[in-house]
């Protein structure tokens, strides 16, 4: 049995704070294994060297698969806001939340805003904006846009069926400053995508 002993997947996990691969990344991993004739089992790449096989050829297959899998690092670096919201949707589905995506809501000013998710929970429903960017220069404008949205939609946060506002930061990229979090914490609950279970638990809580 020739195996990388899970080192390729371990290295890949170290390149991002995200605890899960996107569906696209999982498909690319599966394709790499199929192309080079190796098995992916419990995080390890492996291939069997049978009596009729050349040891060098089997080692080469595992090595080539490891190189292809490590190339998934580029998909982490190029990940867009669309793929992040797909990951959030996947988490919400796994946790059995009832949710709608990209609902258009009118603010007090008459301007239309489109939160990424409207999540219904037994205790309280929530609106969620996902903040994601690969650029430190763009981080503050993204945060200010969400701040403006929460301020304009603030009337939805009062009353017997008040909605919780959640600002979900994609902190898998080191672009956010502490001021960005503080900017939004007065009008919304702050969640970090590096802590997906904490985010899901927050949606089930009765208070901000």
Foldseek 3Di string as FASTA:
>chain_A
DDKPVLPLVVVLCVLWLFPDDFPVLVVQLVVLCVVLVWDQDPNMTHDDADPVHDPVSRNVSNVSSSVSNNVCSVCVLVPDPVRVLSVLVVLCVVVPWDKDAQDWDAFPVRDTDTFGIWTDEPQAIAGEHEQDDQALVCRQVSLVVVLVVLVRRVVQQDDPRRHAYEYEYAPRHPRDDPVSVVSCVVRHHYHYSSCSVVVVVVRHDNDD
